[in-house]
Amino acid sequence: MIKNSVLKGVFLVGFGATSYGMLATFVKMAYDEGYTTAEVTSSQFIYGILGLLLINLFQKAKNKNTATKASKKNIFHLMLAGTSLGMTSLFYYLAVKYIPVSIGIVLLMQTVWMGVLLEMILEKKIPSTQKIISVVIVLVGTVLATNLINNEIKLDWRGIVWGFLAAASFTTTMFTANRVAVGISSAQRSLYMLFGGAVIVFSFALATQTTAFNFAIFLKWGIILALFGTIIPPMLLNAGFPLTGIGLGSIVSALELPVSVMMAYTLLGETVNLTQWFGILLIILAIIIMNINFKKQLN
C-alpha cells in the first residue's frame, strides 16, 4: 500500500514537472507569432485564476464546506509569497526572449545553489559536504550546458541577467510556498499565490505594453500556458510531494530539465550538442546527490 502511494506520488510529481518543462517552448512559439511578454503572462494568469477558482468551487461543493478556510492573514501571506511567483514567470519569459530555451532552463536550475546559499543565510549554518559537492557539480554542469568552454553559442547578456533573476525569484517562491499557510488546501494556496503573482504581472503589462493588447492570445496560447504553467503543475506537485517526500520528489521534479531541452530541440529546432547534454546530466546528478539520504542508505 505504501509503495503504491509513493508510486502515485512519483507519477504526480513527474507529470507536474514535465508540464513545467514544456512551458518555455510554448512561450517561445507565442513570441514567434508576434505576441508580447505582457500578453503571454497576462493571459496565462487570468486563465490560471479562473481555472483555480473553478477547482476551489468544486472542492468546496465536494467537501460540503468542511475544508479549512484561509484566514485574512493566510491570504495576505500567500499573496505576498505569490509576488515572487509572478516575477519568476516574467523574468523567465523575458530570458527566453533573448536566449535559447535550452539555456534558459539551465539558468533557472541555478536555484540548486541559490537555495543552499539562502538556507545558509537564513539558518546561519554552514552547508553540509553533500550540499557543497552538489553545488560544485551544478556550477560545472552549467558551464558545460551553456557551452561556455567551446564558446560556440553567443548568448545575449540580457537573457543571462533575466535568467539569473528568474532563478533567484524561483528560489524565493520555493522557500515561501512550503512555509506559508500549509494548513489549508493546495488549491486555495495556489489560487491566492496566483492573485499575488497577478499583481506583478498586470503591473508589468500596464507599464510595458505600448501597442494595443492582442486579445487573440486568449484563444490559443493563454489556455495552453495556464494549463501547463499555473494549473496542472502546482496542483500535481502539491498533491505528489506529500506522498514521495521532499527528497524523492525533488529528484523526480528534475525531469523538468531534460523535458524542456527535448521540447526546444524537437519543436524549436534548437541545437543541443553532447557537451551540453553532459552538463544537463551533471545538474540532474547534483539534484539527486543533494536529496539522497546517504546515512539512511548505509544503515
Protein backbone atom coordinates (compact mmCIF):
# COMPACT_ATOMS: atom_id res chain seq x y z
CA MET A 1 0.00 0.00 0.00
CA ILE A 2 2.83 2.38 0.93
CA LYS A 3 4.67 1.53 -2.29
CA ASN A 4 1.51 2.25 -4.31
CA SER A 5 1.12 5.68 -2.69
CA VAL A 6 4.79 6.50 -3.34
CA LEU A 7 4.41 5.36 -6.95
CA LYS A 8 1.35 7.56 -7.28
CA GLY A 9 3.34 10.48 -5.84
CA VAL A 10 6.18 9.86 -8.31
CA PHE A 11 3.68 9.92 -11.18
CA LEU A 12 2.04 13.15 -9.95
CA VAL A 13 5.35 14.96 -9.37
CA GLY A 14 6.78 13.65 -12.65
CA PHE A 15 3.80 14.80 -14.69
CA GLY A 16 3.78 18.17 -12.92
CA ALA A 17 7.48 18.71 -13.62
CA THR A 18 7.03 17.57 -17.23
CA SER A 19 4.27 20.17 -17.65
CA TYR A 20 6.58 22.90 -16.38
CA GLY A 21 9.26 21.67 -18.76
CA MET A 22 7.01 22.24 -21.77
CA LEU A 23 6.16 25.80 -20.80
CA ALA A 24 9.10 27.81 -22.16
CA THR A 25 8.83 26.23 -25.61
CA PHE A 26 5.18 27.28 -25.85
CA VAL A 27 6.15 30.81 -24.77
CA LYS A 28 8.82 30.94 -27.48
CA MET A 29 6.27 29.77 -30.06
CA ALA A 30 3.88 32.52 -28.93
CA TYR A 31 6.70 35.06 -29.33
CA ASP A 32 7.28 33.79 -32.88
CA GLU A 33 3.65 34.66 -33.65
CA GLY A 34 4.23 38.23 -32.53
CA TYR A 35 2.76 38.20 -29.02
CA THR A 36 4.46 40.24 -26.29
CA THR A 37 5.63 39.18 -22.83
CA ALA A 38 2.80 41.23 -21.31
CA GLU A 39 0.19 39.43 -23.42
CA VAL A 40 1.66 35.99 -22.71
CA THR A 41 1.87 36.42 -18.93
CA SER A 42 -1.45 38.26 -18.54
CA SER A 43 -3.42 35.61 -20.45
CA GLN A 44 -1.69 32.83 -18.51
CA PHE A 45 -2.51 34.31 -15.12
CA ILE A 46 -6.09 35.27 -16.00
CA TYR A 47 -6.90 31.75 -17.21
CA GLY A 48 -4.94 30.30 -14.30
CA ILE A 49 -7.00 32.23 -11.75
CA LEU A 50 -10.27 31.28 -13.48
CA GLY A 51 -9.23 27.62 -13.56
CA LEU A 52 -8.26 27.53 -9.89
CA LEU A 53 -11.45 29.36 -8.91
CA LEU A 54 -13.44 26.56 -10.56
CA ILE A 55 -11.31 23.89 -8.85
CA ASN A 56 -11.83 25.57 -5.46
CA LEU A 57 -15.61 25.79 -6.05
CA PHE A 58 -15.68 22.10 -6.99
CA GLN A 59 -13.70 21.11 -3.88
CA LYS A 60 -15.90 23.31 -1.70
CA ALA A 61 -19.05 21.59 -3.00
CA LYS A 62 -17.46 18.14 -2.70
CA ASN A 63 -16.30 18.71 0.90
CA LYS A 64 -19.57 20.46 1.83
CA ASN A 65 -17.72 23.45 3.33
CA THR A 66 -15.83 21.25 5.83
CA ALA A 67 -12.36 22.19 4.49
CA THR A 68 -10.25 24.67 6.44
CA LYS A 69 -10.77 28.17 5.07
CA ALA A 70 -7.93 30.62 4.61
CA SER A 71 -7.86 33.46 7.12
CA LYS A 72 -7.17 37.07 6.12
CA LYS A 73 -3.64 36.61 7.47
CA ASN A 74 -3.20 33.45 5.35
CA ILE A 75 -4.44 35.26 2.23
CA PHE A 76 -2.11 38.21 2.79
CA HIS A 77 0.94 35.98 3.33
CA LEU A 78 0.12 33.80 0.32
CA MET A 79 -0.39 36.80 -1.95
CA LEU A 80 2.89 38.25 -0.71
CA ALA A 81 4.62 34.93 -1.44
CA GLY A 82 2.90 34.86 -4.81
CA THR A 83 4.62 38.05 -5.94
CA SER A 84 7.81 36.02 -6.39
CA LEU A 85 5.81 33.55 -8.49
CA GLY A 86 4.77 36.40 -10.78
CA MET A 87 8.33 37.65 -11.00
CA THR A 88 9.60 34.16 -11.83
CA SER A 89 7.22 33.93 -14.81
CA LEU A 90 8.13 37.41 -16.04
CA PHE A 91 11.89 37.00 -15.67
CA TYR A 92 11.92 33.51 -17.20
CA TYR A 93 9.80 34.55 -20.18
CA LEU A 94 11.96 37.62 -20.72
CA ALA A 95 15.04 35.40 -20.59
CA VAL A 96 13.86 33.02 -23.33
CA LYS A 97 13.08 36.04 -25.46
CA TYR A 98 16.84 36.65 -25.80
CA ILE A 99 18.41 33.21 -25.31
CA PRO A 100 17.54 29.63 -26.35
CA VAL A 101 15.05 27.73 -24.16
CA SER A 102 17.68 25.03 -23.54
CA ILE A 103 19.94 27.69 -21.97
CA GLY A 104 17.09 29.42 -20.11
CA ILE A 105 16.10 26.24 -18.25
CA VAL A 106 19.72 25.64 -17.25
CA LEU A 107 19.88 29.14 -15.77
CA LEU A 108 16.59 28.52 -13.93
CA MET A 109 18.16 25.40 -12.39
CA GLN A 110 20.64 27.65 -10.56
CA THR A 111 18.03 27.50 -7.82
CA VAL A 112 20.01 24.47 -6.57
CA TRP A 113 22.96 26.54 -5.32
CA MET A 114 20.86 29.66 -4.66
CA GLY A 115 18.66 27.60 -2.34
CA VAL A 116 21.71 26.35 -0.45
CA LEU A 117 23.01 29.93 -0.14
CA LEU A 118 19.65 31.27 1.06
CA GLU A 119 19.34 28.43 3.58
CA MET A 120 22.84 29.23 4.89
CA ILE A 121 21.95 32.92 5.32
CA LEU A 122 18.56 32.33 6.95
CA GLU A 123 19.57 29.44 9.21
CA LYS A 124 23.10 30.77 9.83
CA LYS A 125 24.87 27.46 9.44
CA ILE A 126 27.49 26.04 7.06
CA PRO A 127 26.04 23.72 4.37
CA SER A 128 26.85 20.01 4.61
CA THR A 129 29.62 18.47 2.49
CA GLN A 130 26.89 16.75 0.45
CA LYS A 131 25.33 20.09 -0.47
CA ILE A 132 28.68 21.74 -1.23
CA ILE A 133 29.56 18.88 -3.62
CA SER A 134 26.15 19.27 -5.28
CA VAL A 135 26.70 23.00 -5.76
CA VAL A 136 30.11 22.43 -7.35
CA ILE A 137 28.64 19.84 -9.72
CA VAL A 138 25.82 22.25 -10.67
CA LEU A 139 28.30 25.01 -11.48
CA VAL A 140 30.44 22.67 -13.61
CA GLY A 141 27.30 21.36 -15.30
CA THR A 142 26.13 24.91 -16.02
CA VAL A 143 29.43 25.80 -17.71
CA LEU A 144 29.10 22.72 -19.92
CA ALA A 145 25.35 23.04 -20.54
CA THR A 146 25.68 26.65 -21.69
CA ASN A 147 28.70 25.68 -23.82
CA LEU A 148 30.89 28.42 -22.38
CA ILE A 149 34.09 26.36 -22.85
CA ASN A 150 33.72 25.92 -26.61
CA ASN A 151 32.18 29.37 -26.91
CA GLU A 152 30.03 28.12 -29.79
CA ILE A 153 26.89 29.89 -28.59
CA LYS A 154 26.76 33.68 -28.42
CA LEU A 155 24.47 34.50 -25.53
CA ASP A 156 22.68 37.83 -25.21
CA TRP A 157 23.63 39.29 -21.83
CA ARG A 158 20.03 40.42 -21.27
CA GLY A 159 18.84 36.81 -21.40
CA ILE A 160 21.51 35.75 -18.91
CA VAL A 161 20.56 38.51 -16.46
CA TRP A 162 16.83 37.72 -16.73
CA GLY A 163 17.60 34.01 -16.36
CA PHE A 164 19.52 34.51 -13.10
CA LEU A 165 16.78 36.83 -11.80
CA ALA A 166 14.21 34.11 -12.62
CA ALA A 167 16.28 31.58 -10.66
CA ALA A 168 16.55 33.96 -7.69
CA SER A 169 12.80 34.63 -7.59
CA PHE A 170 12.02 30.93 -8.08
CA THR A 171 14.26 30.14 -5.10
CA THR A 172 12.21 32.60 -3.04
CA THR A 173 8.98 31.01 -4.28
CA MET A 174 10.11 27.51 -3.24
CA PHE A 175 11.13 28.67 0.23
CA THR A 176 7.94 30.61 0.93
CA ALA A 177 5.48 28.21 -0.73
CA ASN A 178 6.41 25.37 1.65
CA ARG A 179 6.24 27.53 4.76
CA VAL A 180 3.17 29.75 4.32
CA ALA A 181 -0.38 28.69 5.26
CA VAL A 182 0.37 24.96 4.97
CA GLY A 183 -2.82 24.12 6.88
CA ILE A 184 -5.18 24.94 4.01
CA SER A 185 -5.80 23.08 0.74
CA SER A 186 -3.27 23.22 -2.09
CA ALA A 187 -5.98 24.63 -4.39
CA GLN A 188 -6.58 27.57 -2.05
CA ARG A 189 -2.87 28.16 -1.59
CA SER A 190 -2.25 28.07 -5.35
CA LEU A 191 -5.14 30.47 -6.01
CA TYR A 192 -4.05 33.13 -3.52
CA MET A 193 -0.45 32.89 -4.67
CA LEU A 194 -1.68 33.45 -8.22
CA PHE A 195 -3.53 36.56 -7.06
CA GLY A 196 -0.25 37.90 -5.69
CA GLY A 197 1.60 36.99 -8.87
CA ALA A 198 -1.13 38.61 -10.97
CA VAL A 199 -0.47 41.97 -9.27
CA ILE A 200 3.13 41.85 -10.53
CA VAL A 201 2.19 40.57 -14.00
CA PHE A 202 -0.58 43.10 -14.59
CA SER A 203 1.60 45.96 -13.33
CA PHE A 204 4.29 44.89 -15.80
CA ALA A 205 1.73 44.70 -18.61
CA LEU A 206 0.43 48.20 -17.90
CA ALA A 207 3.95 49.61 -17.78
CA THR A 208 5.35 47.92 -20.91
CA GLN A 209 2.51 47.26 -23.37
CA THR A 210 2.91 50.18 -25.78
CA THR A 211 0.69 48.74 -28.54
CA ALA A 212 -2.95 47.66 -28.43
CA PHE A 213 -3.36 44.44 -26.44
CA ASN A 214 -3.84 41.50 -28.81
CA PHE A 215 -6.74 39.58 -27.26
CA ALA A 216 -6.25 36.74 -29.77
CA ILE A 217 -3.72 35.36 -27.27
CA PHE A 218 -6.68 34.16 -25.17
CA LEU A 219 -7.97 31.96 -27.99
CA LYS A 220 -4.81 29.90 -28.29
CA TRP A 221 -1.73 30.29 -26.14
CA GLY A 222 -3.38 31.66 -23.00
CA ILE A 223 -5.22 28.41 -22.27
CA ILE A 224 -2.17 26.25 -23.04
CA LEU A 225 0.17 28.36 -20.88
CA ALA A 226 -2.30 28.44 -17.99
CA LEU A 227 -2.76 24.67 -18.06
CA PHE A 228 0.94 23.84 -18.24
CA GLY A 229 2.15 26.73 -16.08
CA THR A 230 -0.36 27.76 -13.41
CA ILE A 231 -2.96 25.00 -13.05
CA ILE A 232 -1.60 21.48 -13.64
CA PRO A 233 1.94 21.75 -12.13
CA PRO A 234 1.14 23.36 -8.76
CA MET A 235 -1.85 21.07 -8.19
CA LEU A 236 0.09 17.90 -9.07
CA LEU A 237 3.27 18.91 -7.22
CA ASN A 238 1.32 19.86 -4.08
CA ALA A 239 -0.51 16.52 -4.24
CA GLY A 240 2.58 14.45 -5.09
CA PHE A 241 5.23 15.79 -2.71
CA PRO A 242 3.47 14.61 0.49
CA LEU A 243 3.44 11.07 -1.00
CA THR A 244 7.04 11.00 -2.22
CA GLY A 245 8.70 13.15 0.44
CA ILE A 246 10.89 16.16 -0.37
CA GLY A 247 13.96 14.09 -1.31
CA LEU A 248 12.41 11.73 -3.85
CA GLY A 249 10.04 14.46 -5.06
CA SER A 250 12.93 16.82 -5.79
CA ILE A 251 14.74 14.11 -7.74
CA VAL A 252 11.67 13.30 -9.85
CA SER A 253 10.96 17.01 -10.44
CA ALA A 254 14.38 17.27 -12.12
CA LEU A 255 12.57 15.79 -15.15
CA GLU A 256 11.69 19.39 -15.96
CA LEU A 257 15.23 19.98 -17.25
CA PRO A 258 15.56 17.24 -19.92
CA VAL A 259 11.90 17.65 -20.97
CA SER A 260 12.41 21.39 -21.54
CA VAL A 261 15.57 20.78 -23.60
CA MET A 262 13.91 17.99 -25.64
CA MET A 263 10.88 20.18 -26.35
CA ALA A 264 13.14 23.01 -27.54
CA TYR A 265 15.13 20.56 -29.68
CA THR A 266 12.01 18.96 -31.19
CA LEU A 267 9.64 21.90 -31.69
CA LEU A 268 12.02 24.85 -31.99
CA GLY A 269 14.95 23.12 -33.70
CA GLU A 270 17.44 24.35 -31.10
CA THR A 271 20.87 22.74 -31.34
CA VAL A 272 21.99 20.82 -28.26
CA ASN A 273 25.42 19.15 -28.53
CA LEU A 274 26.90 16.29 -26.48
CA THR A 275 28.81 18.68 -24.19
CA GLN A 276 25.56 20.42 -23.29
CA TRP A 277 23.78 17.12 -22.66
CA PHE A 278 26.61 16.06 -20.35
CA GLY A 279 26.24 19.34 -18.46
CA ILE A 280 22.49 18.77 -18.13
CA LEU A 281 23.11 15.27 -16.78
CA LEU A 282 25.57 16.70 -14.23
CA ILE A 283 22.92 19.15 -12.97
CA ILE A 284 20.43 16.29 -12.60
CA LEU A 285 23.11 14.26 -10.79
CA ALA A 286 23.68 17.17 -8.39
CA ILE A 287 19.96 17.31 -7.58
CA ILE A 288 19.98 13.55 -6.88
CA ILE A 289 23.07 13.79 -4.66
CA MET A 290 21.60 16.70 -2.72
CA ASN A 291 18.38 14.83 -1.96
CA ILE A 292 19.64 11.31 -1.18
CA ASN A 293 19.98 10.46 2.50
CA PHE A 294 23.29 8.57 2.39
CA LYS A 295 23.28 7.86 6.12
CA LYS A 296 19.93 6.11 5.82
CA GLN A 297 21.17 4.15 2.80
CA LEU A 298 24.16 2.87 4.76
CA ASN A 299 22.08 1.65 7.72
